[in-house]
N, C-alpha and C. Protein backbone atom coordinates (compact mmCIF):
# COMPACT_ATOMS: atom_id res chain seq x y z
N MET A 1 -1.42 2.48 31.72
CA MET A 1 -0.98 2.37 30.35
C MET A 1 -0.41 0.99 30.04
N ASN A 2 0.40 0.45 30.94
CA ASN A 2 0.98 -0.87 30.71
C ASN A 2 -0.11 -1.93 30.59
N HIS A 3 -1.19 -1.74 31.38
CA HIS A 3 -2.31 -2.68 31.31
C HIS A 3 -2.93 -2.65 29.91
N LEU A 4 -3.10 -1.44 29.34
CA LEU A 4 -3.67 -1.30 28.00
C LEU A 4 -2.76 -1.95 26.96
N LEU A 5 -1.45 -1.75 27.09
CA LEU A 5 -0.50 -2.36 26.17
C LEU A 5 -0.57 -3.88 26.25
N GLN A 6 -0.72 -4.41 27.45
CA GLN A 6 -0.82 -5.85 27.62
C GLN A 6 -2.09 -6.40 26.97
N GLU A 7 -3.14 -5.59 26.91
CA GLU A 7 -4.38 -6.03 26.26
C GLU A 7 -4.31 -5.89 24.75
N ILE A 8 -3.63 -4.87 24.26
CA ILE A 8 -3.55 -4.62 22.82
C ILE A 8 -2.61 -5.60 22.13
N THR A 9 -1.50 -5.94 22.76
CA THR A 9 -0.50 -6.80 22.14
C THR A 9 -1.08 -8.13 21.67
N PRO A 10 -1.87 -8.86 22.48
CA PRO A 10 -2.44 -10.12 21.97
C PRO A 10 -3.42 -9.89 20.81
N LEU A 11 -4.15 -8.79 20.84
CA LEU A 11 -5.07 -8.49 19.72
C LEU A 11 -4.30 -8.29 18.43
N ILE A 12 -3.22 -7.52 18.51
CA ILE A 12 -2.40 -7.29 17.32
C ILE A 12 -1.77 -8.60 16.86
N SER A 13 -1.28 -9.38 17.80
CA SER A 13 -0.67 -10.66 17.45
C SER A 13 -1.69 -11.60 16.81
N SER A 14 -2.94 -11.58 17.28
CA SER A 14 -3.97 -12.47 16.76
C SER A 14 -4.57 -12.00 15.44
N TYR A 15 -4.84 -10.71 15.33
CA TYR A 15 -5.57 -10.19 14.17
C TYR A 15 -4.76 -9.23 13.30
N GLY A 16 -3.53 -8.94 13.69
CA GLY A 16 -2.72 -7.97 12.97
C GLY A 16 -2.47 -8.33 11.52
N LEU A 17 -2.20 -9.61 11.24
CA LEU A 17 -1.94 -10.02 9.86
C LEU A 17 -3.18 -9.87 8.99
N TRP A 18 -4.37 -10.11 9.56
CA TRP A 18 -5.61 -9.89 8.81
C TRP A 18 -5.80 -8.41 8.50
N VAL A 19 -5.50 -7.57 9.48
CA VAL A 19 -5.61 -6.13 9.27
C VAL A 19 -4.64 -5.69 8.18
N ILE A 20 -3.43 -6.23 8.22
CA ILE A 20 -2.43 -5.92 7.19
C ILE A 20 -2.96 -6.35 5.82
N PHE A 21 -3.48 -7.57 5.72
CA PHE A 21 -3.97 -8.09 4.44
C PHE A 21 -5.04 -7.17 3.84
N PHE A 22 -6.08 -6.87 4.62
CA PHE A 22 -7.16 -6.05 4.08
C PHE A 22 -6.75 -4.59 3.93
N GLY A 23 -5.87 -4.12 4.79
CA GLY A 23 -5.37 -2.76 4.66
C GLY A 23 -4.57 -2.57 3.39
N MET A 24 -3.83 -3.60 2.99
CA MET A 24 -3.03 -3.52 1.77
C MET A 24 -3.92 -3.47 0.53
N MET A 25 -5.10 -4.05 0.62
CA MET A 25 -6.02 -4.01 -0.52
C MET A 25 -6.55 -2.60 -0.74
N ILE A 26 -6.62 -1.81 0.32
CA ILE A 26 -7.24 -0.50 0.25
C ILE A 26 -6.20 0.63 0.23
N GLU A 27 -5.37 0.68 1.25
CA GLU A 27 -4.41 1.77 1.39
C GLU A 27 -3.07 1.18 1.82
N GLY A 28 -2.18 1.02 0.91
CA GLY A 28 -0.97 0.30 1.22
C GLY A 28 0.16 1.08 1.83
N THR A 29 0.30 2.35 1.52
CA THR A 29 1.48 3.10 1.94
C THR A 29 1.59 3.19 3.46
N THR A 30 0.55 3.65 4.10
CA THR A 30 0.58 3.76 5.56
C THR A 30 0.63 2.37 6.18
N MET A 31 -0.13 1.44 5.65
CA MET A 31 -0.22 0.10 6.20
C MET A 31 1.12 -0.61 6.17
N ILE A 32 1.89 -0.45 5.10
CA ILE A 32 3.17 -1.16 5.01
C ILE A 32 4.17 -0.62 6.03
N LEU A 33 4.13 0.68 6.27
CA LEU A 33 5.02 1.27 7.28
C LEU A 33 4.62 0.82 8.68
N VAL A 34 3.34 0.82 8.97
CA VAL A 34 2.85 0.36 10.27
C VAL A 34 3.21 -1.12 10.46
N ALA A 35 3.09 -1.91 9.39
CA ALA A 35 3.43 -3.33 9.47
C ALA A 35 4.89 -3.51 9.85
N GLY A 36 5.77 -2.71 9.25
CA GLY A 36 7.19 -2.79 9.58
C GLY A 36 7.46 -2.40 11.02
N ILE A 37 6.78 -1.38 11.50
CA ILE A 37 6.96 -0.94 12.89
C ILE A 37 6.47 -2.03 13.84
N LEU A 38 5.32 -2.62 13.55
CA LEU A 38 4.79 -3.69 14.40
C LEU A 38 5.70 -4.92 14.37
N ALA A 39 6.31 -5.17 13.22
CA ALA A 39 7.26 -6.29 13.14
C ALA A 39 8.49 -5.99 14.00
N TYR A 40 8.96 -4.76 13.96
CA TYR A 40 10.10 -4.40 14.80
C TYR A 40 9.77 -4.55 16.28
N LEU A 41 8.58 -4.16 16.65
CA LEU A 41 8.17 -4.24 18.05
C LEU A 41 7.93 -5.68 18.50
N GLY A 42 8.01 -6.62 17.58
CA GLY A 42 7.83 -8.02 17.93
C GLY A 42 6.37 -8.45 18.00
N MET A 43 5.46 -7.58 17.57
CA MET A 43 4.04 -7.92 17.61
C MET A 43 3.63 -8.77 16.42
N LEU A 44 4.39 -8.69 15.32
CA LEU A 44 4.12 -9.49 14.13
C LEU A 44 5.43 -10.08 13.63
N PRO A 45 5.41 -11.32 13.13
CA PRO A 45 6.64 -11.90 12.58
C PRO A 45 6.98 -11.26 11.23
N VAL A 46 8.24 -10.94 11.04
CA VAL A 46 8.67 -10.19 9.85
C VAL A 46 8.34 -10.94 8.56
N GLY A 47 8.74 -12.21 8.46
CA GLY A 47 8.51 -12.97 7.23
C GLY A 47 7.05 -13.10 6.88
N GLU A 48 6.23 -13.41 7.87
CA GLU A 48 4.79 -13.53 7.61
C GLU A 48 4.18 -12.19 7.27
N THR A 49 4.67 -11.13 7.89
CA THR A 49 4.16 -9.79 7.60
C THR A 49 4.41 -9.43 6.14
N ILE A 50 5.61 -9.70 5.65
CA ILE A 50 5.93 -9.41 4.25
C ILE A 50 5.06 -10.26 3.33
N ALA A 51 4.93 -11.55 3.62
CA ALA A 51 4.11 -12.43 2.78
C ALA A 51 2.65 -11.99 2.74
N VAL A 52 2.11 -11.62 3.89
CA VAL A 52 0.71 -11.19 3.95
C VAL A 52 0.54 -9.84 3.23
N ALA A 53 1.52 -8.96 3.36
CA ALA A 53 1.45 -7.68 2.67
C ALA A 53 1.45 -7.89 1.16
N ILE A 54 2.28 -8.80 0.68
CA ILE A 54 2.32 -9.10 -0.76
C ILE A 54 0.97 -9.68 -1.20
N ALA A 55 0.46 -10.64 -0.45
CA ALA A 55 -0.81 -11.27 -0.81
C ALA A 55 -1.95 -10.25 -0.83
N GLY A 56 -2.01 -9.39 0.16
CA GLY A 56 -3.07 -8.39 0.22
C GLY A 56 -2.98 -7.38 -0.92
N ALA A 57 -1.76 -6.93 -1.22
CA ALA A 57 -1.57 -5.95 -2.30
C ALA A 57 -1.92 -6.57 -3.65
N VAL A 58 -1.48 -7.80 -3.90
CA VAL A 58 -1.79 -8.45 -5.18
C VAL A 58 -3.30 -8.70 -5.28
N ALA A 59 -3.93 -9.14 -4.20
CA ALA A 59 -5.38 -9.34 -4.23
C ALA A 59 -6.11 -8.04 -4.54
N GLY A 60 -5.69 -6.95 -3.92
CA GLY A 60 -6.29 -5.65 -4.20
C GLY A 60 -6.08 -5.22 -5.65
N ASP A 61 -4.86 -5.42 -6.15
CA ASP A 61 -4.58 -5.05 -7.53
C ASP A 61 -5.41 -5.87 -8.51
N GLN A 62 -5.58 -7.16 -8.21
CA GLN A 62 -6.42 -8.01 -9.07
C GLN A 62 -7.87 -7.50 -9.07
N LEU A 63 -8.35 -7.13 -7.89
CA LEU A 63 -9.70 -6.59 -7.78
C LEU A 63 -9.86 -5.35 -8.65
N TRP A 64 -8.91 -4.41 -8.55
CA TRP A 64 -9.00 -3.17 -9.34
C TRP A 64 -8.87 -3.46 -10.83
N TYR A 65 -8.02 -4.39 -11.20
CA TYR A 65 -7.86 -4.76 -12.61
C TYR A 65 -9.19 -5.27 -13.18
N PHE A 66 -9.83 -6.21 -12.46
CA PHE A 66 -11.09 -6.77 -12.96
C PHE A 66 -12.24 -5.79 -12.90
N LEU A 67 -12.23 -4.88 -11.92
CA LEU A 67 -13.24 -3.82 -11.92
C LEU A 67 -13.08 -2.95 -13.16
N GLY A 68 -11.84 -2.62 -13.49
CA GLY A 68 -11.58 -1.83 -14.70
C GLY A 68 -11.98 -2.57 -15.95
N LYS A 69 -11.72 -3.85 -15.99
CA LYS A 69 -12.01 -4.65 -17.18
C LYS A 69 -13.50 -4.90 -17.37
N ARG A 70 -14.20 -5.20 -16.29
CA ARG A 70 -15.61 -5.63 -16.41
C ARG A 70 -16.64 -4.52 -16.20
N TYR A 71 -16.31 -3.55 -15.38
CA TYR A 71 -17.31 -2.54 -15.02
C TYR A 71 -16.85 -1.13 -15.39
N THR A 72 -16.11 -1.02 -16.45
CA THR A 72 -15.49 0.23 -16.84
C THR A 72 -16.50 1.37 -16.99
N ALA A 73 -17.50 1.17 -17.77
CA ALA A 73 -18.44 2.26 -18.07
C ALA A 73 -19.11 2.79 -16.80
N ARG A 74 -19.65 1.89 -16.01
CA ARG A 74 -20.34 2.32 -14.78
C ARG A 74 -19.36 2.95 -13.78
N LEU A 75 -18.21 2.35 -13.65
CA LEU A 75 -17.22 2.84 -12.70
C LEU A 75 -16.76 4.25 -13.06
N LEU A 76 -16.45 4.45 -14.33
CA LEU A 76 -15.92 5.75 -14.75
C LEU A 76 -17.01 6.83 -14.77
N LYS A 77 -18.26 6.45 -14.97
CA LYS A 77 -19.33 7.44 -14.90
C LYS A 77 -19.51 7.96 -13.48
N ARG A 78 -19.28 7.10 -12.50
CA ARG A 78 -19.43 7.51 -11.10
C ARG A 78 -18.26 8.35 -10.60
N PHE A 79 -17.11 8.19 -11.22
CA PHE A 79 -15.91 8.90 -10.77
C PHE A 79 -15.28 9.63 -11.96
N PRO A 80 -15.81 10.78 -12.33
CA PRO A 80 -15.31 11.48 -13.52
C PRO A 80 -13.84 11.90 -13.41
N SER A 81 -13.38 12.20 -12.20
CA SER A 81 -11.97 12.58 -12.08
C SER A 81 -11.06 11.38 -12.37
N VAL A 82 -11.49 10.21 -11.97
CA VAL A 82 -10.73 8.99 -12.28
C VAL A 82 -10.80 8.72 -13.78
N ALA A 83 -11.97 8.93 -14.39
CA ALA A 83 -12.14 8.71 -15.82
C ALA A 83 -11.17 9.55 -16.63
N ALA A 84 -11.02 10.80 -16.23
CA ALA A 84 -10.09 11.69 -16.94
C ALA A 84 -8.65 11.19 -16.80
N ARG A 85 -8.29 10.73 -15.63
CA ARG A 85 -6.93 10.23 -15.41
C ARG A 85 -6.69 8.93 -16.17
N VAL A 86 -7.70 8.06 -16.19
CA VAL A 86 -7.57 6.79 -16.91
C VAL A 86 -7.44 7.06 -18.40
N GLU A 87 -8.21 7.99 -18.92
CA GLU A 87 -8.15 8.32 -20.35
C GLU A 87 -6.76 8.82 -20.75
N ARG A 88 -6.13 9.59 -19.87
CA ARG A 88 -4.77 10.08 -20.16
C ARG A 88 -3.76 8.94 -20.21
N LEU A 89 -4.10 7.82 -19.61
CA LEU A 89 -3.17 6.69 -19.57
C LEU A 89 -3.28 5.75 -20.77
N ALA A 90 -4.22 5.98 -21.66
CA ALA A 90 -4.47 5.05 -22.77
C ALA A 90 -3.20 4.77 -23.58
N ASP A 91 -2.52 5.81 -24.01
CA ASP A 91 -1.30 5.60 -24.79
C ASP A 91 -0.19 4.99 -23.94
N LYS A 92 -0.12 5.39 -22.70
CA LYS A 92 0.91 4.85 -21.80
C LYS A 92 0.72 3.35 -21.60
N VAL A 93 -0.54 2.91 -21.50
CA VAL A 93 -0.80 1.49 -21.31
C VAL A 93 -0.28 0.71 -22.52
N ARG A 94 -0.52 1.23 -23.69
CA ARG A 94 -0.06 0.54 -24.90
C ARG A 94 1.47 0.54 -24.99
N GLN A 95 2.09 1.64 -24.61
CA GLN A 95 3.55 1.76 -24.74
C GLN A 95 4.31 1.17 -23.56
N LYS A 96 3.80 1.36 -22.34
CA LYS A 96 4.55 1.01 -21.14
C LYS A 96 3.73 0.19 -20.15
N GLY A 97 2.93 -0.71 -20.64
CA GLY A 97 2.07 -1.51 -19.77
C GLY A 97 2.85 -2.30 -18.72
N ASN A 98 3.97 -2.87 -19.13
CA ASN A 98 4.78 -3.65 -18.19
C ASN A 98 5.27 -2.77 -17.04
N LEU A 99 5.74 -1.60 -17.37
CA LEU A 99 6.24 -0.67 -16.35
C LEU A 99 5.10 -0.21 -15.43
N LEU A 100 3.94 0.07 -15.99
CA LEU A 100 2.80 0.48 -15.17
C LEU A 100 2.38 -0.62 -14.21
N ALA A 101 2.38 -1.85 -14.68
CA ALA A 101 2.01 -2.97 -13.82
C ALA A 101 3.04 -3.14 -12.70
N PHE A 102 4.31 -2.98 -13.02
CA PHE A 102 5.37 -3.14 -12.03
C PHE A 102 5.39 -2.00 -11.02
N ALA A 103 5.20 -0.77 -11.48
CA ALA A 103 5.43 0.42 -10.65
C ALA A 103 4.18 0.94 -9.95
N SER A 104 3.06 0.26 -10.06
CA SER A 104 1.81 0.82 -9.54
C SER A 104 1.89 1.18 -8.07
N ARG A 105 2.58 0.42 -7.26
CA ARG A 105 2.66 0.69 -5.82
C ARG A 105 3.68 1.77 -5.48
N PHE A 106 4.54 2.11 -6.41
CA PHE A 106 5.58 3.10 -6.15
C PHE A 106 5.16 4.52 -6.54
N VAL A 107 4.00 4.66 -7.18
CA VAL A 107 3.54 5.95 -7.67
C VAL A 107 2.27 6.35 -6.92
N TYR A 108 2.22 7.60 -6.48
CA TYR A 108 1.04 8.09 -5.76
C TYR A 108 -0.21 7.86 -6.60
N SER A 109 -1.20 7.27 -6.03
CA SER A 109 -2.50 6.90 -6.61
C SER A 109 -2.38 5.82 -7.70
N GLY A 110 -1.20 5.30 -7.93
CA GLY A 110 -1.01 4.27 -8.94
C GLY A 110 -1.56 2.92 -8.53
N ALA A 111 -1.65 2.65 -7.23
CA ALA A 111 -2.10 1.35 -6.76
C ALA A 111 -3.52 1.04 -7.18
N ILE A 112 -4.32 2.05 -7.40
CA ILE A 112 -5.69 1.85 -7.88
C ILE A 112 -5.79 2.23 -9.36
N LEU A 113 -5.24 3.36 -9.71
CA LEU A 113 -5.38 3.90 -11.06
C LEU A 113 -4.74 3.00 -12.12
N PHE A 114 -3.53 2.52 -11.89
CA PHE A 114 -2.85 1.72 -12.91
C PHE A 114 -3.55 0.39 -13.18
N PRO A 115 -3.91 -0.39 -12.13
CA PRO A 115 -4.63 -1.64 -12.43
C PRO A 115 -5.97 -1.40 -13.15
N VAL A 116 -6.69 -0.35 -12.76
CA VAL A 116 -7.95 -0.03 -13.44
C VAL A 116 -7.67 0.28 -14.91
N ALA A 117 -6.68 1.13 -15.17
CA ALA A 117 -6.35 1.51 -16.55
C ALA A 117 -5.90 0.30 -17.36
N LEU A 118 -5.09 -0.57 -16.76
CA LEU A 118 -4.63 -1.76 -17.47
C LEU A 118 -5.81 -2.69 -17.78
N GLY A 119 -6.77 -2.78 -16.88
CA GLY A 119 -7.97 -3.58 -17.14
C GLY A 119 -8.84 -2.96 -18.21
N VAL A 120 -9.00 -1.64 -18.15
CA VAL A 120 -9.83 -0.93 -19.13
C VAL A 120 -9.30 -1.13 -20.55
N TYR A 121 -7.99 -1.04 -20.71
CA TYR A 121 -7.40 -1.09 -22.04
C TYR A 121 -6.90 -2.49 -22.42
N ASP A 122 -7.48 -3.52 -21.78
CA ASP A 122 -7.25 -4.93 -22.12
C ASP A 122 -5.78 -5.34 -22.14
N TYR A 123 -5.03 -4.84 -21.19
CA TYR A 123 -3.66 -5.32 -21.01
C TYR A 123 -3.75 -6.78 -20.59
N PRO A 124 -2.93 -7.66 -21.15
CA PRO A 124 -3.04 -9.10 -20.85
C PRO A 124 -2.94 -9.40 -19.34
N HIS A 125 -3.90 -10.17 -18.84
CA HIS A 125 -3.97 -10.45 -17.41
C HIS A 125 -2.73 -11.18 -16.89
N ARG A 126 -2.21 -12.13 -17.63
CA ARG A 126 -1.03 -12.87 -17.17
C ARG A 126 0.18 -11.94 -17.03
N LYS A 127 0.36 -11.07 -17.99
CA LYS A 127 1.47 -10.12 -17.90
C LYS A 127 1.26 -9.17 -16.73
N PHE A 128 0.03 -8.73 -16.55
CA PHE A 128 -0.27 -7.84 -15.43
C PHE A 128 0.07 -8.52 -14.11
N THR A 129 -0.37 -9.75 -13.94
CA THR A 129 -0.12 -10.47 -12.70
C THR A 129 1.37 -10.67 -12.47
N PHE A 130 2.10 -11.04 -13.50
CA PHE A 130 3.55 -11.27 -13.37
C PHE A 130 4.27 -9.99 -12.94
N PHE A 131 4.08 -8.90 -13.69
CA PHE A 131 4.80 -7.66 -13.37
C PHE A 131 4.31 -7.02 -12.08
N ASP A 132 3.02 -7.16 -11.80
CA ASP A 132 2.47 -6.66 -10.55
C ASP A 132 3.09 -7.40 -9.36
N LEU A 133 3.18 -8.71 -9.46
CA LEU A 133 3.76 -9.50 -8.38
C LEU A 133 5.22 -9.13 -8.14
N LEU A 134 5.97 -8.91 -9.21
CA LEU A 134 7.37 -8.47 -9.05
C LEU A 134 7.44 -7.13 -8.33
N GLY A 135 6.66 -6.17 -8.78
CA GLY A 135 6.67 -4.84 -8.18
C GLY A 135 6.20 -4.84 -6.74
N VAL A 136 5.12 -5.55 -6.47
CA VAL A 136 4.57 -5.61 -5.12
C VAL A 136 5.56 -6.28 -4.16
N THR A 137 6.24 -7.32 -4.62
CA THR A 137 7.21 -8.00 -3.77
C THR A 137 8.34 -7.05 -3.37
N LEU A 138 8.87 -6.33 -4.34
CA LEU A 138 9.92 -5.36 -4.04
C LEU A 138 9.39 -4.28 -3.11
N TRP A 139 8.21 -3.76 -3.41
CA TRP A 139 7.61 -2.69 -2.62
C TRP A 139 7.35 -3.13 -1.18
N ALA A 140 6.84 -4.35 -0.99
CA ALA A 140 6.54 -4.85 0.36
C ALA A 140 7.82 -5.02 1.17
N CYS A 141 8.85 -5.57 0.55
CA CYS A 141 10.13 -5.76 1.26
C CYS A 141 10.73 -4.41 1.67
N VAL A 142 10.73 -3.48 0.75
CA VAL A 142 11.27 -2.15 1.05
C VAL A 142 10.40 -1.44 2.09
N GLY A 143 9.09 -1.51 1.94
CA GLY A 143 8.19 -0.83 2.87
C GLY A 143 8.28 -1.36 4.29
N VAL A 144 8.32 -2.68 4.44
CA VAL A 144 8.47 -3.26 5.78
C VAL A 144 9.83 -2.90 6.36
N ALA A 145 10.86 -2.91 5.52
CA ALA A 145 12.20 -2.53 6.00
C ALA A 145 12.23 -1.08 6.48
N ILE A 146 11.57 -0.19 5.75
CA ILE A 146 11.52 1.21 6.18
C ILE A 146 10.76 1.33 7.50
N GLY A 147 9.62 0.65 7.61
CA GLY A 147 8.87 0.66 8.86
C GLY A 147 9.69 0.09 10.00
N TYR A 148 10.41 -0.98 9.73
CA TYR A 148 11.27 -1.61 10.74
C TYR A 148 12.35 -0.62 11.18
N PHE A 149 12.94 0.07 10.20
CA PHE A 149 13.96 1.09 10.49
C PHE A 149 13.37 2.23 11.32
N LEU A 150 12.16 2.65 10.99
CA LEU A 150 11.50 3.69 11.79
C LEU A 150 11.33 3.23 13.23
N GLY A 151 11.03 1.95 13.40
CA GLY A 151 10.89 1.40 14.75
C GLY A 151 12.20 1.48 15.52
N THR A 152 13.32 1.21 14.86
CA THR A 152 14.62 1.29 15.55
C THR A 152 14.94 2.72 15.93
N GLY A 153 14.61 3.66 15.04
CA GLY A 153 14.86 5.07 15.34
C GLY A 153 14.02 5.55 16.51
N VAL A 154 12.80 5.11 16.55
CA VAL A 154 11.92 5.49 17.65
C VAL A 154 12.44 4.91 18.96
N GLU A 155 12.91 3.68 18.91
CA GLU A 155 13.43 3.07 20.13
C GLU A 155 14.64 3.85 20.64
N GLN A 156 15.51 4.28 19.75
CA GLN A 156 16.65 5.09 20.18
C GLN A 156 16.19 6.43 20.71
N LEU A 157 15.16 6.99 20.12
CA LEU A 157 14.67 8.29 20.54
C LEU A 157 13.93 8.22 21.88
N PHE A 158 13.04 7.27 22.03
CA PHE A 158 12.21 7.18 23.22
C PHE A 158 12.67 6.12 24.22
N GLY A 159 13.71 5.35 23.90
CA GLY A 159 14.06 4.23 24.75
C GLY A 159 13.15 3.07 24.41
N LYS A 160 13.14 2.07 25.19
CA LYS A 160 12.30 0.91 24.94
C LYS A 160 10.83 1.33 24.99
N ILE A 161 10.10 1.09 23.90
CA ILE A 161 8.69 1.50 23.85
C ILE A 161 7.89 0.56 24.74
N GLU A 162 7.40 1.10 25.82
CA GLU A 162 6.60 0.31 26.74
C GLU A 162 5.24 0.95 26.98
N LYS A 163 5.04 2.13 26.45
CA LYS A 163 3.78 2.81 26.70
C LYS A 163 3.02 2.97 25.39
N VAL A 164 1.74 2.79 25.46
CA VAL A 164 0.89 2.89 24.28
C VAL A 164 0.95 4.29 23.68
N LYS A 165 1.06 5.31 24.49
CA LYS A 165 1.05 6.66 23.93
C LYS A 165 2.21 6.88 22.98
N HIS A 166 3.37 6.27 23.23
CA HIS A 166 4.50 6.42 22.29
C HIS A 166 4.18 5.75 20.96
N LEU A 167 3.59 4.57 21.02
CA LEU A 167 3.21 3.88 19.79
C LEU A 167 2.17 4.69 19.02
N LEU A 168 1.21 5.23 19.73
CA LEU A 168 0.18 6.05 19.08
C LEU A 168 0.79 7.31 18.47
N TRP A 169 1.72 7.93 19.17
CA TRP A 169 2.39 9.11 18.62
C TRP A 169 3.16 8.73 17.35
N LEU A 170 3.84 7.61 17.39
CA LEU A 170 4.58 7.15 16.23
C LEU A 170 3.65 6.93 15.04
N LEU A 171 2.55 6.25 15.28
CA LEU A 171 1.59 6.01 14.20
C LEU A 171 1.01 7.32 13.68
N ALA A 172 0.75 8.26 14.56
CA ALA A 172 0.24 9.57 14.14
C ALA A 172 1.26 10.31 13.29
N ILE A 173 2.53 10.24 13.67
CA ILE A 173 3.59 10.90 12.91
C ILE A 173 3.72 10.27 11.53
N VAL A 174 3.71 8.94 11.46
CA VAL A 174 3.81 8.25 10.17
C VAL A 174 2.62 8.64 9.29
N ALA A 175 1.42 8.63 9.85
CA ALA A 175 0.23 9.00 9.08
C ALA A 175 0.32 10.45 8.60
N PHE A 176 0.81 11.35 9.46
CA PHE A 176 0.96 12.75 9.09
C PHE A 176 1.95 12.92 7.94
N VAL A 177 3.09 12.24 8.02
CA VAL A 177 4.10 12.34 6.97
C VAL A 177 3.55 11.79 5.66
N VAL A 178 2.92 10.62 5.70
CA VAL A 178 2.36 10.02 4.49
C VAL A 178 1.29 10.94 3.90
N TRP A 179 0.43 11.48 4.73
CA TRP A 179 -0.63 12.37 4.25
C TRP A 179 -0.03 13.60 3.56
N ASN A 180 1.00 14.19 4.16
CA ASN A 180 1.62 15.38 3.56
C ASN A 180 2.34 15.06 2.26
N VAL A 181 2.99 13.92 2.18
CA VAL A 181 3.66 13.53 0.94
C VAL A 181 2.62 13.31 -0.15
N LYS A 182 1.53 12.62 0.19
CA LYS A 182 0.46 12.40 -0.79
C LYS A 182 -0.16 13.73 -1.23
N ARG A 183 -0.36 14.61 -0.29
CA ARG A 183 -0.93 15.92 -0.62
C ARG A 183 -0.01 16.69 -1.55
N TYR A 184 1.29 16.65 -1.28
CA TYR A 184 2.26 17.32 -2.14
C TYR A 184 2.25 16.72 -3.54
N LEU A 185 2.24 15.40 -3.62
CA LEU A 185 2.25 14.74 -4.92
C LEU A 185 0.95 14.95 -5.67
N ASN A 186 -0.15 15.14 -4.96
CA ASN A 186 -1.44 15.37 -5.59
C ASN A 186 -1.49 16.73 -6.27
N ILE A 187 -0.66 17.65 -5.83
CA ILE A 187 -0.63 18.99 -6.41
C ILE A 187 -0.07 18.94 -7.84
N ARG A 188 0.80 17.96 -8.09
CA ARG A 188 1.39 17.82 -9.43
C ARG A 188 0.28 17.59 -10.45
N LYS A 189 0.37 18.30 -11.55
CA LYS A 189 -0.67 18.19 -12.58
C LYS A 189 -0.35 17.13 -13.61
N GLU A 190 0.92 16.88 -13.88
CA GLU A 190 1.28 15.94 -14.91
C GLU A 190 1.50 14.55 -14.32
N PRO A 191 1.06 13.51 -15.02
CA PRO A 191 1.28 12.16 -14.50
C PRO A 191 2.77 11.80 -14.60
N LEU A 192 3.22 10.90 -13.73
CA LEU A 192 4.62 10.51 -13.73
C LEU A 192 4.95 9.59 -14.89
N PHE A 193 3.96 8.87 -15.42
CA PHE A 193 4.22 7.95 -16.52
C PHE A 193 3.42 8.35 -17.73
């Protein structure tokens, strides 16, 4: 096991920030917690991890915004469930666009849905970028801190993490908790905003 850990550590150190960047574009909740845990374990530098998480999340949000703005008709025809959710957001975009841009990462499914809706309903791009950057920065700092805190708790629970199986168990537990929270929130019928 120690041999495997010695092989994985340089890979994470070399490519971990790239994985964080692209992971943040797609699925940020689990990725931000894992990033914090890896930063605690010393596999990734904390400051760079936060900066890369912010850059990846903003890049992903920009992508979703422009997909909503430019390819709305085709995109919504392919995903009718998303179309229904986006349509319900029309009035909210007009009334609370700034809040939607800021809070997209803090709301379940908001990281994709809100930027798409803001793009669809022609919310100003500069305002979107400004409020999105503020929200993502706060979210990345809090998320990495929570992951870092989880790492300290695990260290107290298991002692110094030296075996890969403990790290894998930790990642499995984090993924399980995030999946269950998302599943619970998905049951809610009314949107939060």
